Amino acid sequence: FAGVLGEFGLPEGQFVPALIGFNIGVELGQLAVIAACFA
């Protein structure tokens, strides 16, 4: 995941919200996969 985030780059001065947002997005994606499997 860090490699992918490095490709996108992190905005100057906005490292923390970008990192947290990316991580939450990853989690939501994983939960979407689990929800689809359960369905």
PDB file of all heavy atoms in Angstrom:
ATOM      1  N   PHE A   1       0.834  -1.202   0.000  1.00  0.00           N
ATOM      2  CA  PHE A   1       0.000   0.000   0.000  1.00  0.00           C
ATOM      3  C   PHE A   1       0.870   1.254   0.000  1.00  0.00           C
ATOM      4  O   PHE A   1       0.551   2.248  -0.662  1.00  0.00           O
ATOM      5  CB  PHE A   1      -0.907   0.018   1.238  1.00  0.00           C
ATOM      6  CG  PHE A   1      -1.936  -1.081   1.283  1.00  0.00           C
ATOM      7  CD1 PHE A   1      -2.296  -1.670   2.484  1.00  0.00           C
ATOM      8  CD2 PHE A   1      -2.539  -1.529   0.118  1.00  0.00           C
ATOM      9  CE1 PHE A   1      -3.238  -2.671   2.535  1.00  0.00           C
ATOM     10  CE2 PHE A   1      -3.489  -2.536   0.158  1.00  0.00           C
ATOM     11  CZ  PHE A   1      -3.838  -3.111   1.362  1.00  0.00           C
ATOM     12  N   ALA A   2       1.973   1.224   0.749  1.00  0.00           N
ATOM     13  CA  ALA A   2       2.862   2.381   0.813  1.00  0.00           C
ATOM     14  C   ALA A   2       3.457   2.681  -0.550  1.00  0.00           C
ATOM     15  O   ALA A   2       3.640   3.845  -0.919  1.00  0.00           O
ATOM     16  CB  ALA A   2       3.971   2.137   1.838  1.00  0.00           C
ATOM     17  N   GLY A   3       3.757   1.622  -1.322  1.00  0.00           N
ATOM     18  CA  GLY A   3       4.275   1.829  -2.666  1.00  0.00           C
ATOM     19  C   GLY A   3       3.278   2.536  -3.554  1.00  0.00           C
ATOM     20  O   GLY A   3       3.627   3.443  -4.322  1.00  0.00           O
ATOM     21  N   VAL A   4       2.024   2.140  -3.448  1.00  0.00           N
ATOM     22  CA  VAL A   4       0.970   2.789  -4.239  1.00  0.00           C
ATOM     23  C   VAL A   4       0.807   4.244  -3.814  1.00  0.00           C
ATOM     24  O   VAL A   4       0.704   5.147  -4.646  1.00  0.00           O
ATOM     25  CB  VAL A   4      -0.371   2.037  -4.072  1.00  0.00           C
ATOM     26  CG1 VAL A   4      -1.507   2.804  -4.728  1.00  0.00           C
ATOM     27  CG2 VAL A   4      -0.266   0.645  -4.680  1.00  0.00           C
ATOM     28  N   LEU A   5       0.792   4.480  -2.496  1.00  0.00           N
ATOM     29  CA  LEU A   5       0.648   5.851  -2.000  1.00  0.00           C
ATOM     30  C   LEU A   5       1.819   6.712  -2.454  1.00  0.00           C
ATOM     31  O   LEU A   5       1.651   7.893  -2.771  1.00  0.00           O
ATOM     32  CB  LEU A   5       0.543   5.842  -0.480  1.00  0.00           C
ATOM     33  CG  LEU A   5       0.181   7.173   0.186  1.00  0.00           C
ATOM     34  CD1 LEU A   5      -1.135   7.715  -0.353  1.00  0.00           C
ATOM     35  CD2 LEU A   5       0.102   7.003   1.701  1.00  0.00           C
ATOM     36  N   GLY A   6       3.012   6.119  -2.525  1.00  0.00           N
ATOM     37  CA  GLY A   6       4.167   6.857  -3.005  1.00  0.00           C
ATOM     38  C   GLY A   6       4.023   7.278  -4.453  1.00  0.00           C
ATOM     39  O   GLY A   6       4.486   8.348  -4.859  1.00  0.00           O
ATOM     40  N   GLU A   7       3.370   6.434  -5.268  1.00  0.00           N
ATOM     41  CA  GLU A   7       3.148   6.783  -6.667  1.00  0.00           C
ATOM     42  C   GLU A   7       2.217   7.986  -6.793  1.00  0.00           C
ATOM     43  O   GLU A   7       2.394   8.845  -7.662  1.00  0.00           O
ATOM     44  CB  GLU A   7       2.548   5.592  -7.414  1.00  0.00           C
ATOM     45  CG  GLU A   7       3.502   4.398  -7.536  1.00  0.00           C
ATOM     46  CD  GLU A   7       2.813   3.179  -8.107  1.00  0.00           C
ATOM     47  OE1 GLU A   7       1.643   3.317  -8.534  1.00  0.00           O
ATOM     48  OE2 GLU A   7       3.424   2.099  -8.150  1.00  0.00           O
ATOM     49  N   PHE A   8       1.210   8.061  -5.935  1.00  0.00           N
ATOM     50  CA  PHE A   8       0.274   9.169  -5.990  1.00  0.00           C
ATOM     51  C   PHE A   8       0.881  10.440  -5.391  1.00  0.00           C
ATOM     52  O   PHE A   8       0.519  11.547  -5.777  1.00  0.00           O
ATOM     53  CB  PHE A   8      -1.009   8.813  -5.237  1.00  0.00           C
ATOM     54  CG  PHE A   8      -1.924   7.930  -6.010  1.00  0.00           C
ATOM     55  CD1 PHE A   8      -1.760   6.559  -6.011  1.00  0.00           C
ATOM     56  CD2 PHE A   8      -2.943   8.462  -6.764  1.00  0.00           C
ATOM     57  CE1 PHE A   8      -2.596   5.735  -6.729  1.00  0.00           C
ATOM     58  CE2 PHE A   8      -3.795   7.649  -7.489  1.00  0.00           C
ATOM     59  CZ  PHE A   8      -3.620   6.276  -7.470  1.00  0.00           C
ATOM     60  N   GLY A   9       1.795  10.249  -4.479  1.00  0.00           N
ATOM     61  CA  GLY A   9       2.398  11.409  -3.831  1.00  0.00           C
ATOM     62  C   GLY A   9       1.490  11.945  -2.733  1.00  0.00           C
ATOM     63  O   GLY A   9       0.276  11.761  -2.754  1.00  0.00           O
ATOM     64  N   LEU A  10       2.107  12.591  -1.759  1.00  0.00           N
ATOM     65  CA  LEU A  10       1.369  13.180  -0.651  1.00  0.00           C
ATOM     66  C   LEU A  10       1.432  14.700  -0.755  1.00  0.00           C
ATOM     67  O   LEU A  10       2.508  15.259  -0.989  1.00  0.00           O
ATOM     68  CB  LEU A  10       1.959  12.717   0.684  1.00  0.00           C
ATOM     69  CG  LEU A  10       1.706  11.243   1.018  1.00  0.00           C
ATOM     70  CD1 LEU A  10       2.597  10.813   2.168  1.00  0.00           C
ATOM     71  CD2 LEU A  10       0.253  11.016   1.355  1.00  0.00           C
ATOM     72  N   PRO A  11       0.302  15.385  -0.605  1.00  0.00           N
ATOM     73  CA  PRO A  11       0.292  16.845  -0.734  1.00  0.00           C
ATOM     74  C   PRO A  11       1.217  17.501   0.276  1.00  0.00           C
ATOM     75  O   PRO A  11       1.306  17.073   1.428  1.00  0.00           O
ATOM     76  CB  PRO A  11      -1.177  17.215  -0.454  1.00  0.00           C
ATOM     77  CG  PRO A  11      -1.949  15.962  -0.644  1.00  0.00           C
ATOM     78  CD  PRO A  11      -1.030  14.837  -0.288  1.00  0.00           C
ATOM     79  N   GLU A  12       1.891  18.532  -0.163  1.00  0.00           N
ATOM     80  CA  GLU A  12       2.785  19.275   0.718  1.00  0.00           C
ATOM     81  C   GLU A  12       2.004  19.846   1.904  1.00  0.00           C
ATOM     82  O   GLU A  12       0.991  20.517   1.741  1.00  0.00           O
ATOM     83  CB  GLU A  12       3.440  20.418  -0.062  1.00  0.00           C
ATOM     84  CG  GLU A  12       4.532  21.136   0.683  1.00  0.00           C
ATOM     85  CD  GLU A  12       5.808  20.341   0.758  1.00  0.00           C
ATOM     86  OE1 GLU A  12       5.998  19.448  -0.105  1.00  0.00           O
ATOM     87  OE2 GLU A  12       6.599  20.589   1.675  1.00  0.00           O
ATOM     88  N   GLY A  13       2.454  19.526   3.100  1.00  0.00           N
ATOM     89  CA  GLY A  13       1.822  20.059   4.301  1.00  0.00           C
ATOM     90  C   GLY A  13       0.547  19.353   4.713  1.00  0.00           C
ATOM     91  O   GLY A  13      -0.082  19.756   5.691  1.00  0.00           O
ATOM     92  N   GLN A  14       0.144  18.296   3.972  1.00  0.00           N
ATOM     93  CA  GLN A  14      -1.096  17.591   4.293  1.00  0.00           C
ATOM     94  C   GLN A  14      -0.837  16.094   4.402  1.00  0.00           C
ATOM     95  O   GLN A  14      -1.658  15.272   4.003  1.00  0.00           O
ATOM     96  CB  GLN A  14      -2.156  17.867   3.218  1.00  0.00           C
ATOM     97  CG  GLN A  14      -2.576  19.315   3.095  1.00  0.00           C
ATOM     98  CD  GLN A  14      -3.548  19.731   4.194  1.00  0.00           C
ATOM     99  OE1 GLN A  14      -3.678  19.051   5.200  1.00  0.00           O
ATOM    100  NE2 GLN A  14      -4.233  20.840   4.004  1.00  0.00           N
ATOM    101  N   PHE A  15       0.312  15.741   4.945  1.00  0.00           N
ATOM    102  CA  PHE A  15       0.713  14.338   5.011  1.00  0.00           C
ATOM    103  C   PHE A  15      -0.259  13.511   5.846  1.00  0.00           C
ATOM    104  O   PHE A  15      -0.713  12.442   5.424  1.00  0.00           O
ATOM    105  CB  PHE A  15       2.132  14.234   5.585  1.00  0.00           C
ATOM    106  CG  PHE A  15       2.617  12.830   5.777  1.00  0.00           C
ATOM    107  CD1 PHE A  15       3.236  12.158   4.749  1.00  0.00           C
ATOM    108  CD2 PHE A  15       2.452  12.173   6.992  1.00  0.00           C
ATOM    109  CE1 PHE A  15       3.690  10.854   4.920  1.00  0.00           C
ATOM    110  CE2 PHE A  15       2.888  10.874   7.173  1.00  0.00           C
ATOM    111  CZ  PHE A  15       3.513  10.216   6.136  1.00  0.00           C
ATOM    112  N   VAL A  16      -0.574  13.991   7.043  1.00  0.00           N
ATOM    113  CA  VAL A  16      -1.375  13.201   7.977  1.00  0.00           C
ATOM    114  C   VAL A  16      -2.790  12.942   7.455  1.00  0.00           C
ATOM    115  O   VAL A  16      -3.237  11.788   7.428  1.00  0.00           O
ATOM    116  CB  VAL A  16      -1.407  13.869   9.366  1.00  0.00           C
ATOM    117  CG1 VAL A  16      -2.387  13.138  10.285  1.00  0.00           C
ATOM    118  CG2 VAL A  16      -0.008  13.866   9.977  1.00  0.00           C
ATOM    119  N   PRO A  17      -3.563  13.979   7.037  1.00  0.00           N
ATOM    120  CA  PRO A  17      -4.912  13.674   6.542  1.00  0.00           C
ATOM    121  C   PRO A  17      -4.895  12.796   5.287  1.00  0.00           C
ATOM    122  O   PRO A  17      -5.803  11.964   5.106  1.00  0.00           O
ATOM    123  CB  PRO A  17      -5.515  15.047   6.245  1.00  0.00           C
ATOM    124  CG  PRO A  17      -4.372  15.986   6.166  1.00  0.00           C
ATOM    125  CD  PRO A  17      -3.323  15.430   7.073  1.00  0.00           C
ATOM    126  N   ALA A  18      -3.878  12.955   4.430  1.00  0.00           N
ATOM    127  CA  ALA A  18      -3.796  12.108   3.235  1.00  0.00           C
ATOM    128  C   ALA A  18      -3.545  10.660   3.632  1.00  0.00           C
ATOM    129  O   ALA A  18      -4.177   9.736   3.101  1.00  0.00           O
ATOM    130  CB  ALA A  18      -2.699  12.608   2.303  1.00  0.00           C
ATOM    131  N   LEU A  19      -2.633  10.441   4.556  1.00  0.00           N
ATOM    132  CA  LEU A  19      -2.308   9.083   4.994  1.00  0.00           C
ATOM    133  C   LEU A  19      -3.494   8.419   5.677  1.00  0.00           C
ATOM    134  O   LEU A  19      -3.829   7.260   5.387  1.00  0.00           O
ATOM    135  CB  LEU A  19      -1.109   9.133   5.942  1.00  0.00           C
ATOM    136  CG  LEU A  19      -0.599   7.791   6.463  1.00  0.00           C
ATOM    137  CD1 LEU A  19      -0.087   6.943   5.320  1.00  0.00           C
ATOM    138  CD2 LEU A  19       0.500   8.004   7.506  1.00  0.00           C
ATOM    139  N   ILE A  20      -4.145   9.152   6.570  1.00  0.00           N
ATOM    140  CA  ILE A  20      -5.304   8.589   7.269  1.00  0.00           C
ATOM    141  C   ILE A  20      -6.445   8.318   6.294  1.00  0.00           C
ATOM    142  O   ILE A  20      -7.094   7.269   6.340  1.00  0.00           O
ATOM    143  CB  ILE A  20      -5.771   9.538   8.393  1.00  0.00           C
ATOM    144  CG1 ILE A  20      -4.681   9.653   9.467  1.00  0.00           C
ATOM    145  CG2 ILE A  20      -7.077   9.045   9.012  1.00  0.00           C
ATOM    146  CD1 ILE A  20      -5.000  10.662  10.549  1.00  0.00           C
ATOM    147  N   GLY A  21      -6.693   9.271   5.383  1.00  0.00           N
ATOM    148  CA  GLY A  21      -7.754   9.078   4.397  1.00  0.00           C
ATOM    149  C   GLY A  21      -7.494   7.869   3.520  1.00  0.00           C
ATOM    150  O   GLY A  21      -8.405   7.069   3.251  1.00  0.00           O
ATOM    151  N   PHE A  22      -6.256   7.716   3.055  1.00  0.00           N
ATOM    152  CA  PHE A  22      -5.915   6.565   2.224  1.00  0.00           C
ATOM    153  C   PHE A  22      -6.160   5.263   2.978  1.00  0.00           C
ATOM    154  O   PHE A  22      -6.726   4.307   2.443  1.00  0.00           O
ATOM    155  CB  PHE A  22      -4.457   6.666   1.782  1.00  0.00           C
ATOM    156  CG  PHE A  22      -4.002   5.553   0.885  1.00  0.00           C
ATOM    157  CD1 PHE A  22      -4.198   5.618  -0.489  1.00  0.00           C
ATOM    158  CD2 PHE A  22      -3.367   4.432   1.413  1.00  0.00           C
ATOM    159  CE1 PHE A  22      -3.771   4.601  -1.316  1.00  0.00           C
ATOM    160  CE2 PHE A  22      -2.938   3.403   0.585  1.00  0.00           C
ATOM    161  CZ  PHE A  22      -3.145   3.492  -0.783  1.00  0.00           C
ATOM    162  N   ASN A  23      -5.741   5.220   4.234  1.00  0.00           N
ATOM    163  CA  ASN A  23      -5.904   4.001   5.030  1.00  0.00           C
ATOM    164  C   ASN A  23      -7.373   3.679   5.252  1.00  0.00           C
ATOM    165  O   ASN A  23      -7.793   2.516   5.165  1.00  0.00           O
ATOM    166  CB  ASN A  23      -5.193   4.161   6.372  1.00  0.00           C
ATOM    167  CG  ASN A  23      -4.921   2.830   7.033  1.00  0.00           C
ATOM    168  OD1 ASN A  23      -4.322   1.946   6.449  1.00  0.00           O
ATOM    169  ND2 ASN A  23      -5.387   2.688   8.269  1.00  0.00           N
ATOM    170  N   ILE A  24      -8.177   4.697   5.526  1.00  0.00           N
ATOM    171  CA  ILE A  24      -9.619   4.462   5.692  1.00  0.00           C
ATOM    172  C   ILE A  24     -10.231   3.971   4.383  1.00  0.00           C
ATOM    173  O   ILE A  24     -11.082   3.077   4.372  1.00  0.00           O
ATOM    174  CB  ILE A  24     -10.309   5.751   6.179  1.00  0.00           C
ATOM    175  CG1 ILE A  24      -9.900   6.055   7.630  1.00  0.00           C
ATOM    176  CG2 ILE A  24     -11.822   5.636   6.058  1.00  0.00           C
ATOM    177  CD1 ILE A  24     -10.464   7.347   8.164  1.00  0.00           C
ATOM    178  N   GLY A  25      -9.789   4.552   3.258  1.00  0.00           N
ATOM    179  CA  GLY A  25     -10.284   4.089   1.971  1.00  0.00           C
ATOM    180  C   GLY A  25      -9.972   2.627   1.734  1.00  0.00           C
ATOM    181  O   GLY A  25     -10.808   1.859   1.226  1.00  0.00           O
ATOM    182  N   VAL A  26      -8.759   2.220   2.121  1.00  0.00           N
ATOM    183  CA  VAL A  26      -8.383   0.807   1.998  1.00  0.00           C
ATOM    184  C   VAL A  26      -9.314  -0.059   2.840  1.00  0.00           C
ATOM    185  O   VAL A  26      -9.789  -1.113   2.404  1.00  0.00           O
ATOM    186  CB  VAL A  26      -6.910   0.618   2.423  1.00  0.00           C
ATOM    187  CG1 VAL A  26      -6.592  -0.869   2.611  1.00  0.00           C
ATOM    188  CG2 VAL A  26      -5.984   1.213   1.372  1.00  0.00           C
ATOM    189  N   GLU A  27      -9.580   0.381   4.079  1.00  0.00           N
ATOM    190  CA  GLU A  27     -10.461  -0.393   4.955  1.00  0.00           C
ATOM    191  C   GLU A  27     -11.868  -0.507   4.385  1.00  0.00           C
ATOM    192  O   GLU A  27     -12.492  -1.568   4.434  1.00  0.00           O
ATOM    193  CB  GLU A  27     -10.518   0.256   6.340  1.00  0.00           C
ATOM    194  CG  GLU A  27      -9.203   0.282   7.072  1.00  0.00           C
ATOM    195  CD  GLU A  27      -8.454  -1.033   6.943  1.00  0.00           C
ATOM    196  OE1 GLU A  27      -9.044  -2.082   7.242  1.00  0.00           O
ATOM    197  OE2 GLU A  27      -7.296  -1.012   6.506  1.00  0.00           O
ATOM    198  N   LEU A  28     -12.375   0.601   3.867  1.00  0.00           N
ATOM    199  CA  LEU A  28     -13.719   0.556   3.274  1.00  0.00           C
ATOM    200  C   LEU A  28     -13.746  -0.388   2.083  1.00  0.00           C
ATOM    201  O   LEU A  28     -14.738  -1.106   1.864  1.00  0.00           O
ATOM    202  CB  LEU A  28     -14.143   1.965   2.848  1.00  0.00           C
ATOM    203  CG  LEU A  28     -14.387   2.962   3.992  1.00  0.00           C
ATOM    204  CD1 LEU A  28     -14.716   4.342   3.430  1.00  0.00           C
ATOM    205  CD2 LEU A  28     -15.523   2.474   4.893  1.00  0.00           C
ATOM    206  N   GLY A  29     -12.667  -0.403   1.302  1.00  0.00           N
ATOM    207  CA  GLY A  29     -12.590  -1.336   0.177  1.00  0.00           C
ATOM    208  C   GLY A  29     -12.609  -2.775   0.649  1.00  0.00           C
ATOM    209  O   GLY A  29     -13.300  -3.629   0.075  1.00  0.00           O
ATOM    210  N   GLN A  30     -11.851  -3.068   1.715  1.00  0.00           N
ATOM    211  CA  GLN A  30     -11.845  -4.430   2.253  1.00  0.00           C
ATOM    212  C   GLN A  30     -13.209  -4.828   2.797  1.00  0.00           C
ATOM    213  O   GLN A  30     -13.672  -5.957   2.590  1.00  0.00           O
ATOM    214  CB  GLN A  30     -10.789  -4.526   3.359  1.00  0.00           C
ATOM    215  CG  GLN A  30      -9.369  -4.412   2.826  1.00  0.00           C
ATOM    216  CD  GLN A  30      -8.317  -4.344   3.920  1.00  0.00           C
ATOM    217  OE1 GLN A  30      -7.142  -4.387   3.647  1.00  0.00           O
ATOM    218  NE2 GLN A  30      -8.736  -4.224   5.167  1.00  0.00           N
ATOM    219  N   LEU A  31     -13.857  -3.901   3.484  1.00  0.00           N
ATOM    220  CA  LEU A  31     -15.195  -4.205   4.012  1.00  0.00           C
ATOM    221  C   LEU A  31     -16.188  -4.410   2.884  1.00  0.00           C
ATOM    222  O   LEU A  31     -17.112  -5.237   2.994  1.00  0.00           O
ATOM    223  CB  LEU A  31     -15.655  -3.068   4.932  1.00  0.00           C
ATOM    224  CG  LEU A  31     -14.898  -2.933   6.257  1.00  0.00           C
ATOM    225  CD1 LEU A  31     -15.369  -1.699   7.023  1.00  0.00           C
ATOM    226  CD2 LEU A  31     -15.067  -4.188   7.105  1.00  0.00           C
ATOM    227  N   ALA A  32     -16.011  -3.680   1.782  1.00  0.00           N
ATOM    228  CA  ALA A  32     -16.892  -3.880   0.629  1.00  0.00           C
ATOM    229  C   ALA A  32     -16.717  -5.282   0.054  1.00  0.00           C
ATOM    230  O   ALA A  32     -17.692  -5.933  -0.350  1.00  0.00           O
ATOM    231  CB  ALA A  32     -16.600  -2.823  -0.442  1.00  0.00           C
ATOM    232  N   VAL A  33     -15.472  -5.769   0.021  1.00  0.00           N
ATOM    233  CA  VAL A  33     -15.207  -7.130  -0.461  1.00  0.00           C
ATOM    234  C   VAL A  33     -15.867  -8.149   0.460  1.00  0.00           C
ATOM    235  O   VAL A  33     -16.520  -9.100   0.000  1.00  0.00           O
ATOM    236  CB  VAL A  33     -13.697  -7.386  -0.558  1.00  0.00           C
ATOM    237  CG1 VAL A  33     -13.415  -8.849  -0.892  1.00  0.00           C
ATOM    238  CG2 VAL A  33     -13.073  -6.485  -1.622  1.00  0.00           C
ATOM    239  N   ILE A  34     -15.726  -7.958   1.777  1.00  0.00           N
ATOM    240  CA  ILE A  34     -16.330  -8.892   2.730  1.00  0.00           C
ATOM    241  C   ILE A  34     -17.846  -8.865   2.621  1.00  0.00           C
ATOM    242  O   ILE A  34     -18.516  -9.912   2.656  1.00  0.00           O
ATOM    243  CB  ILE A  34     -15.882  -8.532   4.160  1.00  0.00           C
ATOM    244  CG1 ILE A  34     -14.387  -8.850   4.322  1.00  0.00           C
ATOM    245  CG2 ILE A  34     -16.706  -9.293   5.197  1.00  0.00           C
ATOM    246  CD1 ILE A  34     -13.805  -8.401   5.641  1.00  0.00           C
ATOM    247  N   ALA A  35     -18.415  -7.668   2.472  1.00  0.00           N
ATOM    248  CA  ALA A  35     -19.872  -7.555   2.325  1.00  0.00           C
ATOM    249  C   ALA A  35     -20.349  -8.275   1.076  1.00  0.00           C
ATOM    250  O   ALA A  35     -21.392  -8.962   1.094  1.00  0.00           O
ATOM    251  CB  ALA A  35     -20.276  -6.078   2.275  1.00  0.00           C
ATOM    252  N   ALA A  36     -19.603  -8.155  -0.011  1.00  0.00           N
ATOM    253  CA  ALA A  36     -19.985  -8.846  -1.253  1.00  0.00           C
ATOM    254  C   ALA A  36     -19.907 -10.359  -1.070  1.00  0.00           C
ATOM    255  O   ALA A  36     -20.787 -11.097  -1.535  1.00  0.00           O
ATOM    256  CB  ALA A  36     -19.083  -8.392  -2.397  1.00  0.00           C
ATOM    257  N   CYS A  37     -18.849 -10.822  -0.381  1.00  0.00           N
ATOM    258  CA  CYS A  37     -18.727 -12.260  -0.118  1.00  0.00           C
ATOM    259  C   CYS A  37     -19.893 -12.765   0.725  1.00  0.00           C
ATOM    260  O   CYS A  37     -20.468 -13.830   0.448  1.00  0.00           O
ATOM    261  CB  CYS A  37     -17.406 -12.551   0.598  1.00  0.00           C
ATOM    262  SG  CYS A  37     -15.937 -12.331  -0.415  1.00  0.00           S
ATOM    263  N   PHE A  38     -20.235 -11.993   1.749  1.00  0.00           N
ATOM    264  CA  PHE A  38     -21.336 -12.408   2.623  1.00  0.00           C
ATOM    265  C   PHE A  38     -22.658 -12.445   1.854  1.00  0.00           C
ATOM    266  O   PHE A  38     -23.459 -13.378   2.022  1.00  0.00           O
ATOM    267  CB  PHE A  38     -21.443 -11.457   3.810  1.00  0.00           C
ATOM    268  CG  PHE A  38     -22.499 -11.858   4.798  1.00  0.00           C
ATOM    269  CD1 PHE A  38     -22.256 -12.883   5.703  1.00  0.00           C
ATOM    270  CD2 PHE A  38     -23.728 -11.219   4.816  1.00  0.00           C
ATOM    271  CE1 PHE A  38     -23.244 -13.262   6.607  1.00  0.00           C
ATOM    272  CE2 PHE A  38     -24.719 -11.591   5.713  1.00  0.00           C
ATOM    273  CZ  PHE A  38     -24.471 -12.618   6.617  1.00  0.00           C
ATOM    274  N   ALA A  39     -22.868 -11.442   0.996  1.00  0.00           N
ATOM    275  CA  ALA A  39     -24.114 -11.408   0.216  1.00  0.00           C
ATOM    276  C   ALA A  39     -24.233 -12.619  -0.703  1.00  0.00           C
ATOM    277  O   ALA A  39     -25.332 -13.126  -0.952  1.00  0.00           O
ATOM    278  CB  ALA A  39     -24.171 -10.110  -0.596  1.00  0.00           C
TER     279      ALA A  39
END
